[in-house]
PDB file of N, CA and C in Angstrom:
ATOM      1  N   UNK A   1       0.719  48.603 -12.156  1.00  0.00           N
ATOM      2  CA  UNK A   1      -0.307  47.709 -12.633  1.00  0.00           C
ATOM      3  C   UNK A   1       0.306  46.515 -13.371  1.00  0.00           C
ATOM      4  N   UNK A   2       1.386  46.791 -14.125  1.00  0.00           N
ATOM      5  CA  UNK A   2       2.043  45.729 -14.870  1.00  0.00           C
ATOM      6  C   UNK A   2       2.610  44.674 -13.918  1.00  0.00           C
ATOM      7  N   UNK A   3       3.133  45.114 -12.765  1.00  0.00           N
ATOM      8  CA  UNK A   3       3.677  44.183 -11.779  1.00  0.00           C
ATOM      9  C   UNK A   3       2.587  43.242 -11.279  1.00  0.00           C
ATOM     10  N   UNK A   4       1.398  43.784 -11.019  1.00  0.00           N
ATOM     11  CA  UNK A   4       0.289  42.967 -10.532  1.00  0.00           C
ATOM     12  C   UNK A   4      -0.179  41.968 -11.591  1.00  0.00           C
ATOM     13  N   UNK A   5      -0.177  42.385 -12.825  1.00  0.00           N
ATOM     14  CA  UNK A   5      -0.575  41.495 -13.915  1.00  0.00           C
ATOM     15  C   UNK A   5       0.401  40.329 -14.020  1.00  0.00           C
ATOM     16  N   UNK A   6       1.685  40.623 -13.941  1.00  0.00           N
ATOM     17  CA  UNK A   6       2.708  39.579 -13.995  1.00  0.00           C
ATOM     18  C   UNK A   6       2.572  38.658 -12.785  1.00  0.00           C
ATOM     19  N   UNK A   7       2.363  39.228 -11.620  1.00  0.00           N
ATOM     20  CA  UNK A   7       2.212  38.439 -10.397  1.00  0.00           C
ATOM     21  C   UNK A   7       1.003  37.513 -10.495  1.00  0.00           C
ATOM     22  N   UNK A   8      -0.109  38.035 -10.945  1.00  0.00           N
ATOM     23  CA  UNK A   8      -1.316  37.216 -11.085  1.00  0.00           C
ATOM     24  C   UNK A   8      -1.090  36.104 -12.105  1.00  0.00           C
ATOM     25  N   UNK A   9      -0.429  36.426 -13.202  1.00  0.00           N
ATOM     26  CA  UNK A   9      -0.137  35.424 -14.222  1.00  0.00           C
ATOM     27  C   UNK A   9       0.741  34.308 -13.648  1.00  0.00           C
ATOM     28  N   UNK A  10       1.775  34.683 -12.923  1.00  0.00           N
ATOM     29  CA  UNK A  10       2.678  33.695 -12.319  1.00  0.00           C
ATOM     30  C   UNK A  10       1.917  32.816 -11.332  1.00  0.00           C
ATOM     31  N   UNK A  11       1.069  33.421 -10.514  1.00  0.00           N
ATOM     32  CA  UNK A  11       0.281  32.649  -9.553  1.00  0.00           C
ATOM     33  C   UNK A  11      -0.677  31.684 -10.252  1.00  0.00           C
ATOM     34  N   UNK A  12      -1.276  32.119 -11.335  1.00  0.00           N
ATOM     35  CA  UNK A  12      -2.169  31.237 -12.091  1.00  0.00           C
ATOM     36  C   UNK A  12      -1.417  30.051 -12.683  1.00  0.00           C
ATOM     37  N   UNK A  13      -0.225  30.314 -13.210  1.00  0.00           N
ATOM     38  CA  UNK A  13       0.585  29.237 -13.780  1.00  0.00           C
ATOM     39  C   UNK A  13       0.986  28.247 -12.689  1.00  0.00           C
ATOM     40  N   UNK A  14       1.427  28.749 -11.556  1.00  0.00           N
ATOM     41  CA  UNK A  14       1.819  27.880 -10.442  1.00  0.00           C
ATOM     42  C   UNK A  14       0.634  27.043  -9.986  1.00  0.00           C
ATOM     43  N   UNK A  15      -0.514  27.674  -9.858  1.00  0.00           N
ATOM     44  CA  UNK A  15      -1.714  26.954  -9.437  1.00  0.00           C
ATOM     45  C   UNK A  15      -2.084  25.874 -10.445  1.00  0.00           C
ATOM     46  N   UNK A  16      -2.050  26.205 -11.710  1.00  0.00           N
ATOM     47  CA  UNK A  16      -2.410  25.233 -12.748  1.00  0.00           C
ATOM     48  C   UNK A  16      -1.448  24.053 -12.761  1.00  0.00           C
ATOM     49  N   UNK A  17      -0.172  24.325 -12.617  1.00  0.00           N
ATOM     50  CA  UNK A  17       0.830  23.265 -12.634  1.00  0.00           C
ATOM     51  C   UNK A  17       0.708  22.390 -11.398  1.00  0.00           C
ATOM     52  N   UNK A  18       0.486  22.990 -10.245  1.00  0.00           N
ATOM     53  CA  UNK A  18       0.425  22.218  -9.010  1.00  0.00           C
ATOM     54  C   UNK A  18      -0.849  21.400  -8.910  1.00  0.00           C
ATOM     55  N   UNK A  19      -1.880  21.747  -9.635  1.00  0.00           N
ATOM     56  CA  UNK A  19      -3.144  21.016  -9.580  1.00  0.00           C
ATOM     57  C   UNK A  19      -3.177  19.809 -10.498  1.00  0.00           C
ATOM     58  N   UNK A  20      -2.234  19.713 -11.396  1.00  0.00           N
ATOM     59  CA  UNK A  20      -2.212  18.567 -12.293  1.00  0.00           C
ATOM     60  C   UNK A  20      -1.880  17.317 -11.495  1.00  0.00           C
ATOM     61  N   UNK A  21      -2.621  16.261 -11.770  1.00  0.00           N
ATOM     62  CA  UNK A  21      -2.342  14.996 -11.113  1.00  0.00           C
ATOM     63  C   UNK A  21      -1.061  14.423 -11.696  1.00  0.00           C
ATOM     64  N   UNK A  22      -0.144  14.116 -10.820  1.00  0.00           N
ATOM     65  CA  UNK A  22       1.119  13.563 -11.276  1.00  0.00           C
ATOM     66  C   UNK A  22       0.922  12.094 -11.606  1.00  0.00           C
ATOM     67  N   UNK A  23       1.464  11.707 -12.710  1.00  0.00           N
ATOM     68  CA  UNK A  23       1.367  10.309 -13.109  1.00  0.00           C
ATOM     69  C   UNK A  23       2.288   9.502 -12.213  1.00  0.00           C
ATOM     70  N   UNK A  24       1.715   8.653 -11.401  1.00  0.00           N
ATOM     71  CA  UNK A  24       2.498   7.832 -10.500  1.00  0.00           C
ATOM     72  C   UNK A  24       2.775   6.474 -11.123  1.00  0.00           C
ATOM     73  N   UNK A  25       3.738   5.811 -10.587  1.00  0.00           N
ATOM     74  CA  UNK A  25       4.040   4.473 -11.053  1.00  0.00           C
ATOM     75  C   UNK A  25       2.975   3.520 -10.545  1.00  0.00           C
ATOM     76  N   UNK A  26       2.544   2.615 -11.379  1.00  0.00           N
ATOM     77  CA  UNK A  26       1.620   1.583 -10.953  1.00  0.00           C
ATOM     78  C   UNK A  26       2.463   0.456 -10.386  1.00  0.00           C
ATOM     79  N   UNK A  27       2.538   0.423  -9.072  1.00  0.00           N
ATOM     80  CA  UNK A  27       3.402  -0.527  -8.381  1.00  0.00           C
ATOM     81  C   UNK A  27       3.060  -1.953  -8.786  1.00  0.00           C
ATOM     82  N   UNK A  28       1.795  -2.223  -9.000  1.00  0.00           N
ATOM     83  CA  UNK A  28       1.373  -3.572  -9.354  1.00  0.00           C
ATOM     84  C   UNK A  28       1.994  -4.032 -10.670  1.00  0.00           C
ATOM     85  N   UNK A  29       2.330  -3.097 -11.536  1.00  0.00           N
ATOM     86  CA  UNK A  29       2.881  -3.465 -12.836  1.00  0.00           C
ATOM     87  C   UNK A  29       4.400  -3.605 -12.836  1.00  0.00           C
ATOM     88  N   UNK A  30       5.072  -3.041 -11.856  1.00  0.00           N
ATOM     89  CA  UNK A  30       6.530  -3.076 -11.888  1.00  0.00           C
ATOM     90  C   UNK A  30       7.150  -3.950 -10.806  1.00  0.00           C
ATOM     91  N   UNK A  31       6.386  -4.310  -9.782  1.00  0.00           N
ATOM     92  CA  UNK A  31       6.935  -5.108  -8.698  1.00  0.00           C
ATOM     93  C   UNK A  31       6.864  -6.598  -9.000  1.00  0.00           C
ATOM     94  N   UNK A  32       7.909  -7.283  -8.627  1.00  0.00           N
ATOM     95  CA  UNK A  32       7.852  -8.733  -8.566  1.00  0.00           C
ATOM     96  C   UNK A  32       7.655  -9.066  -7.098  1.00  0.00           C
ATOM     97  N   UNK A  33       6.551  -9.704  -6.804  1.00  0.00           N
ATOM     98  CA  UNK A  33       6.185 -10.013  -5.424  1.00  0.00           C
ATOM     99  C   UNK A  33       6.221 -11.524  -5.246  1.00  0.00           C
ATOM    100  N   UNK A  34       7.030 -11.972  -4.328  1.00  0.00           N
ATOM    101  CA  UNK A  34       7.139 -13.409  -4.054  1.00  0.00           C
ATOM    102  C   UNK A  34       7.407 -14.193  -5.338  1.00  0.00           C
ATOM    103  N   UNK A  35       8.207 -13.611  -6.217  1.00  0.00           N
ATOM    104  CA  UNK A  35       8.612 -14.287  -7.439  1.00  0.00           C
ATOM    105  C   UNK A  35       7.636 -14.197  -8.597  1.00  0.00           C
ATOM    106  N   UNK A  36       6.590 -13.395  -8.474  1.00  0.00           N
ATOM    107  CA  UNK A  36       5.621 -13.274  -9.562  1.00  0.00           C
ATOM    108  C   UNK A  36       5.281 -11.812  -9.837  1.00  0.00           C
ATOM    109  N   UNK A  37       4.972 -11.518 -11.082  1.00  0.00           N
ATOM    110  CA  UNK A  37       4.621 -10.145 -11.469  1.00  0.00           C
ATOM    111  C   UNK A  37       3.171  -9.808 -11.145  1.00  0.00           C
ATOM    112  N   UNK A  38       2.301 -10.779 -11.017  1.00  0.00           N
ATOM    113  CA  UNK A  38       0.887 -10.520 -10.751  1.00  0.00           C
ATOM    114  C   UNK A  38       0.434 -11.351  -9.554  1.00  0.00           C
ATOM    115  N   UNK A  39       0.842 -10.954  -8.351  1.00  0.00           N
ATOM    116  CA  UNK A  39       0.577 -11.775  -7.169  1.00  0.00           C
ATOM    117  C   UNK A  39      -0.905 -11.951  -6.847  1.00  0.00           C
ATOM    118  N   UNK A  40      -1.744 -10.975  -7.191  1.00  0.00           N
ATOM    119  CA  UNK A  40      -3.168 -11.091  -6.874  1.00  0.00           C
ATOM    120  C   UNK A  40      -3.846 -12.182  -7.695  1.00  0.00           C
ATOM    121  N   UNK A  41      -3.232 -12.583  -8.786  1.00  0.00           N
ATOM    122  CA  UNK A  41      -3.775 -13.670  -9.609  1.00  0.00           C
ATOM    123  C   UNK A  41      -2.962 -14.952  -9.475  1.00  0.00           C
ATOM    124  N   UNK A  42      -1.654 -14.820  -9.245  1.00  0.00           N
ATOM    125  CA  UNK A  42      -0.770 -15.979  -9.322  1.00  0.00           C
ATOM    126  C   UNK A  42      -0.423 -16.628  -7.987  1.00  0.00           C
ATOM    127  N   UNK A  43      -0.759 -16.012  -6.884  1.00  0.00           N
ATOM    128  CA  UNK A  43      -0.529 -16.620  -5.570  1.00  0.00           C
ATOM    129  C   UNK A  43      -1.904 -17.026  -5.043  1.00  0.00           C
ATOM    130  N   UNK A  44      -2.142 -18.329  -4.968  1.00  0.00           N
ATOM    131  CA  UNK A  44      -3.505 -18.820  -4.716  1.00  0.00           C
ATOM    132  C   UNK A  44      -4.107 -18.313  -3.410  1.00  0.00           C
ATOM    133  N   UNK A  45      -3.356 -18.361  -2.318  1.00  0.00           N
ATOM    134  CA  UNK A  45      -3.934 -17.906  -1.050  1.00  0.00           C
ATOM    135  C   UNK A  45      -4.224 -16.411  -1.090  1.00  0.00           C
ATOM    136  N   UNK A  46      -3.373 -15.632  -1.768  1.00  0.00           N
ATOM    137  CA  UNK A  46      -3.572 -14.189  -1.865  1.00  0.00           C
ATOM    138  C   UNK A  46      -4.756 -13.870  -2.776  1.00  0.00           C
ATOM    139  N   UNK A  47      -4.924 -14.655  -3.811  1.00  0.00           N
ATOM    140  CA  UNK A  47      -6.073 -14.488  -4.706  1.00  0.00           C
ATOM    141  C   UNK A  47      -7.379 -14.671  -3.922  1.00  0.00           C
ATOM    142  N   UNK A  48      -7.406 -15.640  -3.020  1.00  0.00           N
ATOM    143  CA  UNK A  48      -8.583 -15.882  -2.174  1.00  0.00           C
ATOM    144  C   UNK A  48      -8.836 -14.704  -1.247  1.00  0.00           C
ATOM    145  N   UNK A  49      -7.777 -14.199  -0.616  1.00  0.00           N
ATOM    146  CA  UNK A  49      -7.923 -13.042   0.287  1.00  0.00           C
ATOM    147  C   UNK A  49      -8.362 -11.801  -0.487  1.00  0.00           C
ATOM    148  N   UNK A  50      -7.798 -11.619  -1.658  1.00  0.00           N
ATOM    149  CA  UNK A  50      -8.150 -10.475  -2.500  1.00  0.00           C
ATOM    150  C   UNK A  50      -9.635 -10.508  -2.866  1.00  0.00           C
ATOM    151  N   UNK A  51     -10.143 -11.686  -3.198  1.00  0.00           N
ATOM    152  CA  UNK A  51     -11.557 -11.818  -3.573  1.00  0.00           C
ATOM    153  C   UNK A  51     -12.481 -11.374  -2.437  1.00  0.00           C
ATOM    154  N   UNK A  52     -12.037 -11.533  -1.198  1.00  0.00           N
ATOM    155  CA  UNK A  52     -12.855 -11.147  -0.039  1.00  0.00           C
ATOM    156  C   UNK A  52     -12.965  -9.635   0.127  1.00  0.00           C
ATOM    157  N   UNK A  53     -11.977  -8.886  -0.369  1.00  0.00           N
ATOM    158  CA  UNK A  53     -11.968  -7.433  -0.129  1.00  0.00           C
ATOM    159  C   UNK A  53     -12.005  -6.598  -1.402  1.00  0.00           C
ATOM    160  N   UNK A  54     -12.088  -7.241  -2.548  1.00  0.00           N
ATOM    161  CA  UNK A  54     -12.019  -6.527  -3.827  1.00  0.00           C
ATOM    162  C   UNK A  54     -13.152  -5.527  -4.015  1.00  0.00           C
ATOM    163  N   UNK A  55     -14.228  -5.670  -3.267  1.00  0.00           N
ATOM    164  CA  UNK A  55     -15.384  -4.778  -3.404  1.00  0.00           C
ATOM    165  C   UNK A  55     -15.100  -3.360  -2.926  1.00  0.00           C
ATOM    166  N   UNK A  56     -14.099  -3.185  -2.085  1.00  0.00           N
ATOM    167  CA  UNK A  56     -13.902  -1.866  -1.488  1.00  0.00           C
ATOM    168  C   UNK A  56     -12.469  -1.385  -1.460  1.00  0.00           C
ATOM    169  N   UNK A  57     -11.938  -0.906  -2.587  1.00  0.00           N
ATOM    170  CA  UNK A  57     -10.541  -0.470  -2.616  1.00  0.00           C
ATOM    171  C   UNK A  57     -10.254   0.776  -1.783  1.00  0.00           C
ATOM    172  N   UNK A  58     -11.274   1.542  -1.425  1.00  0.00           N
ATOM    173  CA  UNK A  58     -11.011   2.740  -0.620  1.00  0.00           C
ATOM    174  C   UNK A  58     -10.991   2.433   0.871  1.00  0.00           C
ATOM    175  N   UNK A  59     -11.493   1.260   1.267  1.00  0.00           N
ATOM    176  CA  UNK A  59     -11.530   0.919   2.692  1.00  0.00           C
ATOM    177  C   UNK A  59     -10.783  -0.373   3.002  1.00  0.00           C
ATOM    178  N   UNK A  60     -10.130  -0.948   2.020  1.00  0.00           N
ATOM    179  CA  UNK A  60      -9.359  -2.176   2.188  1.00  0.00           C
ATOM    180  C   UNK A  60      -8.045  -2.048   1.425  1.00  0.00           C
ATOM    181  N   UNK A  61      -7.097  -2.900   1.771  1.00  0.00           N
ATOM    182  CA  UNK A  61      -5.838  -2.844   1.051  1.00  0.00           C
ATOM    183  C   UNK A  61      -5.011  -4.101   1.198  1.00  0.00           C
ATOM    184  N   UNK A  62      -4.118  -4.293   0.258  1.00  0.00           N
ATOM    185  CA  UNK A  62      -3.100  -5.333   0.336  1.00  0.00           C
ATOM    186  C   UNK A  62      -1.777  -4.613   0.128  1.00  0.00           C
ATOM    187  N   UNK A  63      -0.938  -4.678   1.154  1.00  0.00           N
ATOM    188  CA  UNK A  63       0.279  -3.868   1.177  1.00  0.00           C
ATOM    189  C   UNK A  63       1.492  -4.784   1.325  1.00  0.00           C
ATOM    190  N   UNK A  64       2.525  -4.488   0.569  1.00  0.00           N
ATOM    191  CA  UNK A  64       3.758  -5.265   0.614  1.00  0.00           C
ATOM    192  C   UNK A  64       4.804  -4.515   1.425  1.00  0.00           C
ATOM    193  N   UNK A  65       5.367  -5.212   2.404  1.00  0.00           N
ATOM    194  CA  UNK A  65       6.435  -4.662   3.236  1.00  0.00           C
ATOM    195  C   UNK A  65       7.651  -5.574   3.148  1.00  0.00           C
ATOM    196  N   UNK A  66       8.790  -5.040   3.542  1.00  0.00           N
ATOM    197  CA  UNK A  66       9.989  -5.838   3.773  1.00  0.00           C
ATOM    198  C   UNK A  66      10.231  -5.788   5.279  1.00  0.00           C
ATOM    199  N   UNK A  67      10.358  -6.980   5.867  1.00  0.00           N
ATOM    200  CA  UNK A  67      10.582  -7.084   7.308  1.00  0.00           C
ATOM    201  C   UNK A  67      11.542  -8.244   7.551  1.00  0.00           C
ATOM    202  N   UNK A  68      12.598  -7.988   8.270  1.00  0.00           N
ATOM    203  CA  UNK A  68      13.637  -8.999   8.526  1.00  0.00           C
ATOM    204  C   UNK A  68      14.125  -9.643   7.222  1.00  0.00           C
ATOM    205  N   UNK A  69      14.325  -8.818   6.207  1.00  0.00           N
ATOM    206  CA  UNK A  69      14.811  -9.254   4.887  1.00  0.00           C
ATOM    207  C   UNK A  69      13.871 -10.218   4.169  1.00  0.00           C
ATOM    208  N   UNK A  70      12.599 -10.199   4.535  1.00  0.00           N
ATOM    209  CA  UNK A  70      11.594 -11.025   3.870  1.00  0.00           C
ATOM    210  C   UNK A  70      10.452 -10.148   3.384  1.00  0.00           C
ATOM    211  N   UNK A  71       9.812 -10.587   2.308  1.00  0.00           N
ATOM    212  CA  UNK A  71       8.607  -9.901   1.861  1.00  0.00           C
ATOM    213  C   UNK A  71       7.449 -10.321   2.763  1.00  0.00           C
ATOM    214  N   UNK A  72       6.686  -9.342   3.210  1.00  0.00           N
ATOM    215  CA  UNK A  72       5.516  -9.596   4.050  1.00  0.00           C
ATOM    216  C   UNK A  72       4.321  -8.941   3.377  1.00  0.00           C
ATOM    217  N   UNK A  73       3.282  -9.727   3.180  1.00  0.00           N
ATOM    218  CA  UNK A  73       2.054  -9.216   2.581  1.00  0.00           C
ATOM    219  C   UNK A  73       1.057  -8.992   3.703  1.00  0.00           C
ATOM    220  N   UNK A  74       0.598  -7.758   3.808  1.00  0.00           N
ATOM    221  CA  UNK A  74      -0.342  -7.398   4.868  1.00  0.00           C
ATOM    222  C   UNK A  74      -1.724  -7.189   4.253  1.00  0.00           C
ATOM    223  N   UNK A  75      -2.707  -7.928   4.753  1.00  0.00           N
ATOM    224  CA  UNK A  75      -4.090  -7.783   4.311  1.00  0.00           C
ATOM    225  C   UNK A  75      -4.756  -6.787   5.248  1.00  0.00           C
ATOM    226  N   UNK A  76      -5.267  -5.710   4.694  1.00  0.00           N
ATOM    227  CA  UNK A  76      -5.903  -4.661   5.494  1.00  0.00           C
ATOM    228  C   UNK A  76      -7.380  -4.594   5.116  1.00  0.00           C
ATOM    229  N   UNK A  77      -8.206  -5.042   6.030  1.00  0.00           N
ATOM    230  CA  UNK A  77      -9.646  -5.078   5.818  1.00  0.00           C
ATOM    231  C   UNK A  77     -10.287  -4.141   6.822  1.00  0.00           C
ATOM    232  N   UNK A  78     -11.171  -3.294   6.373  1.00  0.00           N
ATOM    233  CA  UNK A  78     -11.804  -2.322   7.267  1.00  0.00           C
ATOM    234  C   UNK A  78     -12.607  -2.999   8.366  1.00  0.00           C
ATOM    235  N   UNK A  79     -12.896  -4.283   8.220  1.00  0.00           N
ATOM    236  CA  UNK A  79     -13.644  -5.004   9.245  1.00  0.00           C
ATOM    237  C   UNK A  79     -12.734  -5.642  10.286  1.00  0.00           C
ATOM    238  N   UNK A  80     -11.424  -5.588  10.069  1.00  0.00           N
ATOM    239  CA  UNK A  80     -10.484  -6.111  11.058  1.00  0.00           C
ATOM    240  C   UNK A  80     -10.346  -5.114  12.194  1.00  0.00           C
ATOM    241  N   UNK A  81      -9.842  -5.590  13.321  1.00  0.00           N
ATOM    242  CA  UNK A  81      -9.584  -4.679  14.435  1.00  0.00           C
ATOM    243  C   UNK A  81      -8.424  -3.756  14.081  1.00  0.00           C
ATOM    244  N   UNK A  82      -8.253  -2.724  14.863  1.00  0.00           N
ATOM    245  CA  UNK A  82      -7.212  -1.738  14.564  1.00  0.00           C
ATOM    246  C   UNK A  82      -5.802  -2.301  14.726  1.00  0.00           C
ATOM    247  N   UNK A  83      -5.659  -3.432  15.413  1.00  0.00           N
ATOM    248  CA  UNK A  83      -4.323  -4.020  15.512  1.00  0.00           C
ATOM    249  C   UNK A  83      -3.930  -4.721  14.219  1.00  0.00           C
ATOM    250  N   UNK A  84      -4.924  -5.085  13.402  1.00  0.00           N
ATOM    251  CA  UNK A  84      -4.690  -5.630  12.064  1.00  0.00           C
ATOM    252  C   UNK A  84      -3.537  -6.625  12.018  1.00  0.00           C
ATOM    253  N   UNK A  85      -3.667  -7.717  12.705  1.00  0.00           N
ATOM    254  CA  UNK A  85      -2.617  -8.722  12.688  1.00  0.00           C
ATOM    255  C   UNK A  85      -2.891  -9.746  11.590  1.00  0.00           C
ATOM    256  N   UNK A  86      -2.735  -9.304  10.360  1.00  0.00           N
ATOM    257  CA  UNK A  86      -2.954 -10.149   9.191  1.00  0.00           C
ATOM    258  C   UNK A  86      -1.769  -9.996   8.240  1.00  0.00           C
ATOM    259  N   UNK A  87      -0.611 -10.409   8.725  1.00  0.00           N
ATOM    260  CA  UNK A  87       0.623 -10.331   7.961  1.00  0.00           C
ATOM    261  C   UNK A  87       1.039 -11.749   7.580  1.00  0.00           C
ATOM    262  N   UNK A  88       1.436 -11.920   6.323  1.00  0.00           N
ATOM    263  CA  UNK A  88       1.721 -13.252   5.806  1.00  0.00           C
ATOM    264  C   UNK A  88       3.043 -13.276   5.049  1.00  0.00           C
ATOM    265  N   UNK A  89       3.701 -14.431   5.125  1.00  0.00           N
ATOM    266  CA  UNK A  89       4.876 -14.649   4.284  1.00  0.00           C
ATOM    267  C   UNK A  89       4.384 -15.053   2.895  1.00  0.00           C
ATOM    268  N   UNK A  90       5.289 -15.179   1.972  1.00  0.00           N
ATOM    269  CA  UNK A  90       4.919 -15.474   0.582  1.00  0.00           C
ATOM    270  C   UNK A  90       4.133 -16.772   0.426  1.00  0.00           C
ATOM    271  N   UNK A  91       4.402 -17.753   1.279  1.00  0.00           N
ATOM    272  CA  UNK A  91       3.699 -19.033   1.155  1.00  0.00           C
ATOM    273  C   UNK A  91       2.339 -19.042   1.848  1.00  0.00           C
ATOM    274  N   UNK A  92       1.942 -17.906   2.423  1.00  0.00           N
ATOM    275  CA  UNK A  92       0.637 -17.809   3.072  1.00  0.00           C
ATOM    276  C   UNK A  92       0.660 -18.085   4.560  1.00  0.00           C
ATOM    277  N   UNK A  93       1.839 -18.349   5.105  1.00  0.00           N
ATOM    278  CA  UNK A  93       1.956 -18.576   6.538  1.00  0.00           C
ATOM    279  C   UNK A  93       1.789 -17.254   7.270  1.00  0.00           C
ATOM    280  N   UNK A  94       0.883 -17.254   8.253  1.00  0.00           N
ATOM    281  CA  UNK A  94       0.628 -16.036   9.027  1.00  0.00           C
ATOM    282  C   UNK A  94       1.793 -15.790   9.976  1.00  0.00           C
ATOM    283  N   UNK A  95       2.271 -14.555  10.014  1.00  0.00           N
ATOM    284  CA  UNK A  95       3.328 -14.206  10.950  1.00  0.00           C
ATOM    285  C   UNK A  95       2.768 -14.224  12.366  1.00  0.00           C
ATOM    286  N   UNK A  96       3.560 -14.705  13.300  1.00  0.00           N
ATOM    287  CA  UNK A  96       3.129 -14.742  14.695  1.00  0.00           C
ATOM    288  C   UNK A  96       3.505 -13.420  15.355  1.00  0.00           C
ATOM    289  N   UNK A  97       2.556 -12.504  15.366  1.00  0.00           N
ATOM    290  CA  UNK A  97       2.772 -11.191  15.975  1.00  0.00           C
ATOM    291  C   UNK A  97       1.768 -10.958  17.098  1.00  0.00           C
ATOM    292  N   UNK A  98       1.345 -12.053  17.751  1.00  0.00           N
ATOM    293  CA  UNK A  98       0.342 -11.939  18.812  1.00  0.00           C
ATOM    294  C   UNK A  98       0.872 -11.208  20.036  1.00  0.00           C
ATOM    295  N   UNK A  99       2.153 -11.358  20.309  1.00  0.00           N
ATOM    296  CA  UNK A  99       2.743 -10.641  21.435  1.00  0.00           C
ATOM    297  C   UNK A  99       2.838  -9.160  21.075  1.00  0.00           C
ATOM    298  N   UNK A 100       2.343  -8.270  21.937  1.00  0.00           N
ATOM    299  CA  UNK A 100       2.368  -6.836  21.616  1.00  0.00           C
ATOM    300  C   UNK A 100       3.763  -6.303  21.276  1.00  0.00           C
ATOM    301  N   UNK A 101       4.793  -6.812  21.941  1.00  0.00           N
ATOM    302  CA  UNK A 101       6.139  -6.313  21.644  1.00  0.00           C
ATOM    303  C   UNK A 101       6.584  -6.763  20.252  1.00  0.00           C
ATOM    304  N   UNK A 102       6.203  -7.971  19.846  1.00  0.00           N
ATOM    305  CA  UNK A 102       6.540  -8.450  18.500  1.00  0.00           C
ATOM    306  C   UNK A 102       5.808  -7.625  17.448  1.00  0.00           C
ATOM    307  N   UNK A 103       4.540  -7.312  17.700  1.00  0.00           N
ATOM    308  CA  UNK A 103       3.764  -6.512  16.754  1.00  0.00           C
ATOM    309  C   UNK A 103       4.335  -5.097  16.652  1.00  0.00           C
ATOM    310  N   UNK A 104       4.695  -4.514  17.790  1.00  0.00           N
ATOM    311  CA  UNK A 104       5.286  -3.166  17.782  1.00  0.00           C
ATOM    312  C   UNK A 104       6.626  -3.154  17.050  1.00  0.00           C
ATOM    313  N   UNK A 105       7.427  -4.209  17.241  1.00  0.00           N
ATOM    314  CA  UNK A 105       8.711  -4.300  16.535  1.00  0.00           C
ATOM    315  C   UNK A 105       8.470  -4.389  15.029  1.00  0.00           C
ATOM    316  N   UNK A 106       7.484  -5.188  14.641  1.00  0.00           N
ATOM    317  CA  UNK A 106       7.138  -5.287  13.219  1.00  0.00           C
ATOM    318  C   UNK A 106       6.749  -3.918  12.670  1.00  0.00           C
ATOM    319  N   UNK A 107       5.879  -3.216  13.351  1.00  0.00           N
ATOM    320  CA  UNK A 107       5.425  -1.905  12.871  1.00  0.00           C
ATOM    321  C   UNK A 107       6.582  -0.913  12.781  1.00  0.00           C
ATOM    322  N   UNK A 108       7.511  -1.007  13.699  1.00  0.00           N
ATOM    323  CA  UNK A 108       8.643  -0.077  13.720  1.00  0.00           C
ATOM    324  C   UNK A 108       9.681  -0.406  12.643  1.00  0.00           C
ATOM    325  N   UNK A 109       9.940  -1.681  12.415  1.00  0.00           N
ATOM    326  CA  UNK A 109      11.048  -2.092  11.548  1.00  0.00           C
ATOM    327  C   UNK A 109      10.661  -2.370  10.094  1.00  0.00           C
ATOM    328  N   UNK A 110       9.392  -2.513   9.808  1.00  0.00           N
ATOM    329  CA  UNK A 110       8.970  -2.832   8.440  1.00  0.00           C
ATOM    330  C   UNK A 110       9.246  -1.654   7.507  1.00  0.00           C
ATOM    331  N   UNK A 111       9.451  -1.970   6.248  1.00  0.00           N
ATOM    332  CA  UNK A 111       9.672  -0.952   5.215  1.00  0.00           C
ATOM    333  C   UNK A 111       8.630  -1.146   4.125  1.00  0.00           C
ATOM    334  N   UNK A 112       7.907  -0.094   3.816  1.00  0.00           N
ATOM    335  CA  UNK A 112       6.882  -0.154   2.778  1.00  0.00           C
ATOM    336  C   UNK A 112       7.529  -0.330   1.410  1.00  0.00           C
ATOM    337  N   UNK A 113       7.083  -1.340   0.681  1.00  0.00           N
ATOM    338  CA  UNK A 113       7.551  -1.549  -0.683  1.00  0.00           C
ATOM    339  C   UNK A 113       6.513  -1.038  -1.670  1.00  0.00           C
ATOM    340  N   UNK A 114       5.251  -1.360  -1.425  1.00  0.00           N
ATOM    341  CA  UNK A 114       4.213  -0.889  -2.334  1.00  0.00           C
ATOM    342  C   UNK A 114       2.830  -1.359  -1.938  1.00  0.00           C
ATOM    343  N   UNK A 115       1.842  -0.725  -2.526  1.00  0.00           N
ATOM    344  CA  UNK A 115       0.446  -1.091  -2.300  1.00  0.00           C
ATOM    345  C   UNK A 115       0.008  -1.917  -3.503  1.00  0.00           C
ATOM    346  N   UNK A 116      -0.382  -3.147  -3.244  1.00  0.00           N
ATOM    347  CA  UNK A 116      -0.774  -4.054  -4.318  1.00  0.00           C
ATOM    348  C   UNK A 116      -2.239  -3.893  -4.694  1.00  0.00           C
ATOM    349  N   UNK A 117      -3.034  -3.438  -3.748  1.00  0.00           N
ATOM    350  CA  UNK A 117      -4.460  -3.211  -3.997  1.00  0.00           C
ATOM    351  C   UNK A 117      -4.991  -2.208  -2.983  1.00  0.00           C
ATOM    352  N   UNK A 118      -5.869  -1.353  -3.433  1.00  0.00           N
ATOM    353  CA  UNK A 118      -6.624  -0.483  -2.542  1.00  0.00           C
ATOM    354  C   UNK A 118      -5.808   0.594  -1.870  1.00  0.00           C
ATOM    355  N   UNK A 119      -6.051   0.723  -0.571  1.00  0.00           N
ATOM    356  CA  UNK A 119      -5.506   1.815   0.222  1.00  0.00           C
ATOM    357  C   UNK A 119      -4.752   1.262   1.419  1.00  0.00           C
ATOM    358  N   UNK A 120      -3.666   1.906   1.784  1.00  0.00           N
ATOM    359  CA  UNK A 120      -2.927   1.539   2.995  1.00  0.00           C
ATOM    360  C   UNK A 120      -3.659   2.160   4.178  1.00  0.00           C
ATOM    361  N   UNK A 121      -4.693   1.473   4.667  1.00  0.00           N
ATOM    362  CA  UNK A 121      -5.567   2.071   5.679  1.00  0.00           C
ATOM    363  C   UNK A 121      -4.973   2.066   7.079  1.00  0.00           C
ATOM    364  N   UNK A 122      -4.044   1.168   7.354  1.00  0.00           N
ATOM    365  CA  UNK A 122      -3.480   1.100   8.708  1.00  0.00           C
ATOM    366  C   UNK A 122      -2.099   1.742   8.810  1.00  0.00           C
ATOM    367  N   UNK A 123      -1.563   2.229   7.712  1.00  0.00           N
ATOM    368  CA  UNK A 123      -0.235   2.865   7.698  1.00  0.00           C
ATOM    369  C   UNK A 123       0.733   2.028   8.469  1.00  0.00           C
TER     370      UNK A 123
END
């Protein structure tokens, strides 16, 4: 009986510890994006895009990637098509990924740096 009591106690402790929400880093507070600490406020074109999707953080996102040694800001709006070709350089220039092979190369070679707003809905 003592073995079962110890086992149950250990399982309860493991369950309690594993259920605690881990404090994650707030990427928005530690990243410098395109030379600024607060890109959603300090980059004018991004501030405009953010205002369009700020209503729905669970179905929209702004995600920062590194691609070809450059920072790429991807706007993810649940109303966009699944190809989501809304990738921008720091100055707001849209990346030309209209060719399917270019878009596939981007998806394959990009590296996730962080989520600046909402959810990474297109992974």
